[in-house]
Structure formats: C-alpha cells, structure tokens
Amino acid sequence: MKRFSQRSHLVTLSEINVTPLLDLAFVLLIIFVITTPLLEQGINLKLPAGGRPDTTISKSDIRTVEIDPSGSYMLDRKRMSLNDLEAALVAANRANPKTVVNIRADKDGKNKDLLAVIDRCQRNGLTRFSLRTEPSTSR
C-alpha cells in the first residue's frame, strides 16, 4: 500500500501572501478616515460676559509695536529690527514688570512677522500683550 504523504512531495512555502494584509490595511485606513473627523469636535461652551479689567493700565505701562505690510517693525514710533525690538521690550519689562505690549499689524501684512513678535514676547516672559484691531462699525 502506497502512502500519500511522502517527503519528496512536501514543498515549503517561502512566500507570504500579502493580499490579506493589504485588505486589512485598507479596512483600517477606511475606519480611521471615517472616525477621525468625529473625534475633532469642539466643546459647546457658554462663556461669561466680559467685564472691566481688575487693574487699570496706565499709559506709561504700554509699549506699542507696529508692523507694516512690508514687515518693518516700529516700537513707540521708532523703526527698528526684530532683534532690537526684542531687546527694547525685554529692557522695558525689566524696568517695569507691568509692561503691556500692544501689537498693531497691518491686515495686508504677513502672519510670519506678527508671529515673530508674539514668539519673542513669549520667549522673554512678556505674557501681557494685546493684538489691536479696528472696532467694528456694525452693531
């Protein structure tokens, strides 16, 4: 009687079938594409009404930075480079810890100039700054 399982006919598979792996990868990709927007929802908040500030700010505590559309910086009406502006704001903050920086950027200017000023303020501990805008005319 002849046996059906002979060692000469056994062949080992040296290849992995990647089709089921690709199917699984595409299914997972579809699941993530569908569920990701659902995870990015905001929280419904009821913010309190604004009031008066706790402390009044005197004119001597305010430093005004202006940024024109070409990216030039001015501190209190004096044109200067970004590094000089940073040094002047740090010196003003050391002299008066109540310093508030008002940043006025042109609406047609580049955001990178505005963000550079904000970044320099935050790096040097100037956390009291304000972005100035035109008041709205519609009520």
C-alpha atoms as a PDB file:
ATOM      1  CA  MET A   1       0.000   0.000   0.000  1.00  0.00           C
ATOM      2  CA  LYS A   2       1.357   3.314  -1.049  1.00  0.00           C
ATOM      3  CA  ARG A   3       1.348   6.227   1.358  1.00  0.00           C
ATOM      4  CA  PHE A   4       0.099   9.578   0.167  1.00  0.00           C
ATOM      5  CA  SER A   5       2.336  11.705   2.296  1.00  0.00           C
ATOM      6  CA  GLN A   6       5.796  11.242   1.027  1.00  0.00           C
ATOM      7  CA  ARG A   7       8.601  13.549   1.995  1.00  0.00           C
ATOM      8  CA  SER A   8       9.624  14.127  -1.615  1.00  0.00           C
ATOM      9  CA  HIS A   9       6.341  15.839  -2.406  1.00  0.00           C
ATOM     10  CA  LEU A  10       6.365  18.241   0.540  1.00  0.00           C
ATOM     11  CA  VAL A  11       7.219  21.765  -0.502  1.00  0.00           C
ATOM     12  CA  THR A  12       7.756  24.572   1.977  1.00  0.00           C
ATOM     13  CA  LEU A  13       6.237  27.933   1.170  1.00  0.00           C
ATOM     14  CA  SER A  14       8.876  30.631   1.217  1.00  0.00           C
ATOM     15  CA  GLU A  15       6.464  33.446   0.264  1.00  0.00           C
ATOM     16  CA  ILE A  16       3.924  35.237   2.409  1.00  0.00           C
ATOM     17  CA  ASN A  17       0.610  36.012   0.827  1.00  0.00           C
ATOM     18  CA  VAL A  18       0.249  39.808   1.221  1.00  0.00           C
ATOM     19  CA  THR A  19      -3.269  40.098  -0.180  1.00  0.00           C
ATOM     20  CA  PRO A  20      -4.998  39.573   3.201  1.00  0.00           C
ATOM     21  CA  LEU A  21      -2.546  42.025   4.807  1.00  0.00           C
ATOM     22  CA  LEU A  22      -3.381  44.687   2.207  1.00  0.00           C
ATOM     23  CA  ASP A  23      -7.100  44.073   2.701  1.00  0.00           C
ATOM     24  CA  LEU A  24      -6.688  44.573   6.425  1.00  0.00           C
ATOM     25  CA  ALA A  25      -4.620  47.749   5.917  1.00  0.00           C
ATOM     26  CA  PHE A  26      -7.251  49.259   3.612  1.00  0.00           C
ATOM     27  CA  VAL A  27     -10.081  48.407   6.023  1.00  0.00           C
ATOM     28  CA  LEU A  28      -8.186  50.057   8.899  1.00  0.00           C
ATOM     29  CA  LEU A  29      -7.438  53.091   6.734  1.00  0.00           C
ATOM     30  CA  ILE A  30     -11.115  53.483   5.865  1.00  0.00           C
ATOM     31  CA  ILE A  31     -12.101  53.156   9.536  1.00  0.00           C
ATOM     32  CA  PHE A  32      -9.594  55.846  10.570  1.00  0.00           C
ATOM     33  CA  VAL A  33     -10.649  58.173   7.745  1.00  0.00           C
ATOM     34  CA  ILE A  34     -14.277  57.903   8.826  1.00  0.00           C
ATOM     35  CA  THR A  35     -13.736  58.210  12.591  1.00  0.00           C
ATOM     36  CA  THR A  36     -11.106  60.986  12.660  1.00  0.00           C
ATOM     37  CA  PRO A  37     -13.494  63.882  11.850  1.00  0.00           C
ATOM     38  CA  LEU A  38     -15.834  62.659  14.580  1.00  0.00           C
ATOM     39  CA  LEU A  39     -13.064  62.999  17.172  1.00  0.00           C
ATOM     40  CA  GLU A  40     -12.283  66.622  16.289  1.00  0.00           C
ATOM     41  CA  GLN A  41     -15.474  68.199  17.563  1.00  0.00           C
ATOM     42  CA  GLY A  42     -15.305  71.162  19.882  1.00  0.00           C
ATOM     43  CA  ILE A  43     -16.959  71.609  23.229  1.00  0.00           C
ATOM     44  CA  ASN A  44     -20.066  73.756  23.494  1.00  0.00           C
ATOM     45  CA  LEU A  45     -19.159  76.458  25.982  1.00  0.00           C
ATOM     46  CA  LYS A  46     -21.137  79.342  27.384  1.00  0.00           C
ATOM     47  CA  LEU A  47     -18.529  81.981  28.039  1.00  0.00           C
ATOM     48  CA  PRO A  48     -19.116  84.623  30.693  1.00  0.00           C
ATOM     49  CA  ALA A  49     -19.727  88.201  29.700  1.00  0.00           C
ATOM     50  CA  GLY A  50     -16.694  90.461  29.676  1.00  0.00           C
ATOM     51  CA  GLY A  51     -16.229  92.976  32.392  1.00  0.00           C
ATOM     52  CA  ARG A  52     -13.823  95.646  33.430  1.00  0.00           C
ATOM     53  CA  PRO A  53     -10.219  94.621  33.966  1.00  0.00           C
ATOM     54  CA  ASP A  54      -9.108  94.015  37.548  1.00  0.00           C
ATOM     55  CA  THR A  55      -6.432  96.674  37.353  1.00  0.00           C
ATOM     56  CA  THR A  56      -6.186  99.800  35.305  1.00  0.00           C
ATOM     57  CA  ILE A  57      -3.329 100.145  32.876  1.00  0.00           C
ATOM     58  CA  SER A  58      -1.532 103.442  32.816  1.00  0.00           C
ATOM     59  CA  LYS A  59      -0.166 104.890  29.581  1.00  0.00           C
ATOM     60  CA  SER A  60       3.408 104.530  30.871  1.00  0.00           C
ATOM     61  CA  ASP A  61       2.972 100.727  31.077  1.00  0.00           C
ATOM     62  CA  ILE A  62       2.017 100.367  27.403  1.00  0.00           C
ATOM     63  CA  ARG A  63       4.542  99.736  24.620  1.00  0.00           C
ATOM     64  CA  THR A  64       3.099  99.772  21.099  1.00  0.00           C
ATOM     65  CA  VAL A  65       4.633  97.603  18.373  1.00  0.00           C
ATOM     66  CA  GLU A  66       3.546  98.343  14.814  1.00  0.00           C
ATOM     67  CA  ILE A  67       4.157  96.060  11.829  1.00  0.00           C
ATOM     68  CA  ASP A  68       3.680  97.466   8.328  1.00  0.00           C
ATOM     69  CA  PRO A  69       2.811  95.347   5.251  1.00  0.00           C
ATOM     70  CA  SER A  70       6.458  95.103   4.196  1.00  0.00           C
ATOM     71  CA  GLY A  71       7.441  93.562   7.555  1.00  0.00           C
ATOM     72  CA  SER A  72       9.121  96.594   9.143  1.00  0.00           C
ATOM     73  CA  TYR A  73       8.827  96.932  12.901  1.00  0.00           C
ATOM     74  CA  MET A  74       8.283 100.096  14.938  1.00  0.00           C
ATOM     75  CA  LEU A  75       8.319 100.409  18.721  1.00  0.00           C
ATOM     76  CA  ASP A  76       6.661 103.567  20.013  1.00  0.00           C
ATOM     77  CA  ARG A  77       7.050 105.232  16.584  1.00  0.00           C
ATOM     78  CA  LYS A  78      10.756 104.313  16.219  1.00  0.00           C
ATOM     79  CA  ARG A  79      11.727 101.953  13.385  1.00  0.00           C
ATOM     80  CA  MET A  80      13.965  99.043  14.442  1.00  0.00           C
ATOM     81  CA  SER A  81      14.906  95.478  13.596  1.00  0.00           C
ATOM     82  CA  LEU A  82      13.296  92.467  15.240  1.00  0.00           C
ATOM     83  CA  ASN A  83      16.341  91.807  17.446  1.00  0.00           C
ATOM     84  CA  ASP A  84      16.466  95.448  18.589  1.00  0.00           C
ATOM     85  CA  LEU A  85      12.737  95.334  19.233  1.00  0.00           C
ATOM     86  CA  GLU A  86      13.154  92.237  21.377  1.00  0.00           C
ATOM     87  CA  ALA A  87      15.979  93.830  23.379  1.00  0.00           C
ATOM     88  CA  ALA A  88      13.964  97.021  23.925  1.00  0.00           C
ATOM     89  CA  LEU A  89      10.898  95.095  25.105  1.00  0.00           C
ATOM     90  CA  VAL A  90      12.984  92.976  27.489  1.00  0.00           C
ATOM     91  CA  ALA A  91      14.599  96.131  28.900  1.00  0.00           C
ATOM     92  CA  ALA A  92      11.189  97.766  29.303  1.00  0.00           C
ATOM     93  CA  ASN A  93       9.855  94.673  31.072  1.00  0.00           C
ATOM     94  CA  ARG A  94      12.834  94.613  33.450  1.00  0.00           C
ATOM     95  CA  ALA A  95      12.335  98.269  34.284  1.00  0.00           C
ATOM     96  CA  ASN A  96       8.573  97.886  34.698  1.00  0.00           C
ATOM     97  CA  PRO A  97       7.125  94.357  35.213  1.00  0.00           C
ATOM     98  CA  LYS A  98       3.622  95.702  34.469  1.00  0.00           C
ATOM     99  CA  THR A  99       4.550  96.354  30.827  1.00  0.00           C
ATOM    100  CA  VAL A 100       1.806  95.567  28.316  1.00  0.00           C
ATOM    101  CA  VAL A 101       2.705  95.199  24.634  1.00  0.00           C
ATOM    102  CA  ASN A 102       0.076  96.385  22.143  1.00  0.00           C
ATOM    103  CA  ILE A 103       0.740  94.818  18.740  1.00  0.00           C
ATOM    104  CA  ARG A 104      -0.726  96.586  15.716  1.00  0.00           C
ATOM    105  CA  ALA A 105      -0.220  94.656  12.477  1.00  0.00           C
ATOM    106  CA  ASP A 106      -1.442  95.710   9.053  1.00  0.00           C
ATOM    107  CA  LYS A 107      -4.201  93.458   7.724  1.00  0.00           C
ATOM    108  CA  ASP A 108      -2.325  93.050   4.425  1.00  0.00           C
ATOM    109  CA  GLY A 109       0.924  92.097   6.174  1.00  0.00           C
ATOM    110  CA  LYS A 110       2.317  88.596   6.531  1.00  0.00           C
ATOM    111  CA  ASN A 111       1.461  86.487   9.540  1.00  0.00           C
ATOM    112  CA  LYS A 112       5.088  85.448   9.968  1.00  0.00           C
ATOM    113  CA  ASP A 113       6.022  88.996  11.034  1.00  0.00           C
ATOM    114  CA  LEU A 114       3.226  89.105  13.599  1.00  0.00           C
ATOM    115  CA  LEU A 115       4.028  85.618  14.887  1.00  0.00           C
ATOM    116  CA  ALA A 116       7.705  86.531  15.206  1.00  0.00           C
ATOM    117  CA  VAL A 117       6.819  89.367  17.603  1.00  0.00           C
ATOM    118  CA  ILE A 118       4.465  87.142  19.615  1.00  0.00           C
ATOM    119  CA  ASP A 119       7.112  84.415  19.791  1.00  0.00           C
ATOM    120  CA  ARG A 120       9.792  86.840  21.008  1.00  0.00           C
ATOM    121  CA  CYS A 121       7.418  88.203  23.648  1.00  0.00           C
ATOM    122  CA  GLN A 122       6.567  84.743  24.964  1.00  0.00           C
ATOM    123  CA  ARG A 123      10.195  83.567  24.975  1.00  0.00           C
ATOM    124  CA  ASN A 124      11.180  86.508  27.145  1.00  0.00           C
ATOM    125  CA  GLY A 125       8.319  86.284  29.635  1.00  0.00           C
ATOM    126  CA  LEU A 126       6.259  89.142  28.194  1.00  0.00           C
ATOM    127  CA  THR A 127       2.919  87.421  28.568  1.00  0.00           C
ATOM    128  CA  ARG A 128       0.867  90.585  28.727  1.00  0.00           C
ATOM    129  CA  PHE A 129       0.328  91.566  25.111  1.00  0.00           C
ATOM    130  CA  SER A 130      -2.678  92.582  23.086  1.00  0.00           C
ATOM    131  CA  LEU A 131      -3.470  92.332  19.376  1.00  0.00           C
ATOM    132  CA  ARG A 132      -5.088  95.594  18.330  1.00  0.00           C
ATOM    133  CA  THR A 133      -7.902  95.718  15.773  1.00  0.00           C
ATOM    134  CA  GLU A 134     -10.272  98.292  14.348  1.00  0.00           C
ATOM    135  CA  PRO A 135     -13.555  98.497  16.233  1.00  0.00           C
ATOM    136  CA  SER A 136     -16.473  97.063  14.312  1.00  0.00           C
ATOM    137  CA  THR A 137     -18.893  99.623  12.901  1.00  0.00           C
ATOM    138  CA  SER A 138     -21.952  97.319  12.817  1.00  0.00           C
ATOM    139  CA  ARG A 139     -23.905  96.697  15.988  1.00  0.00           C
END
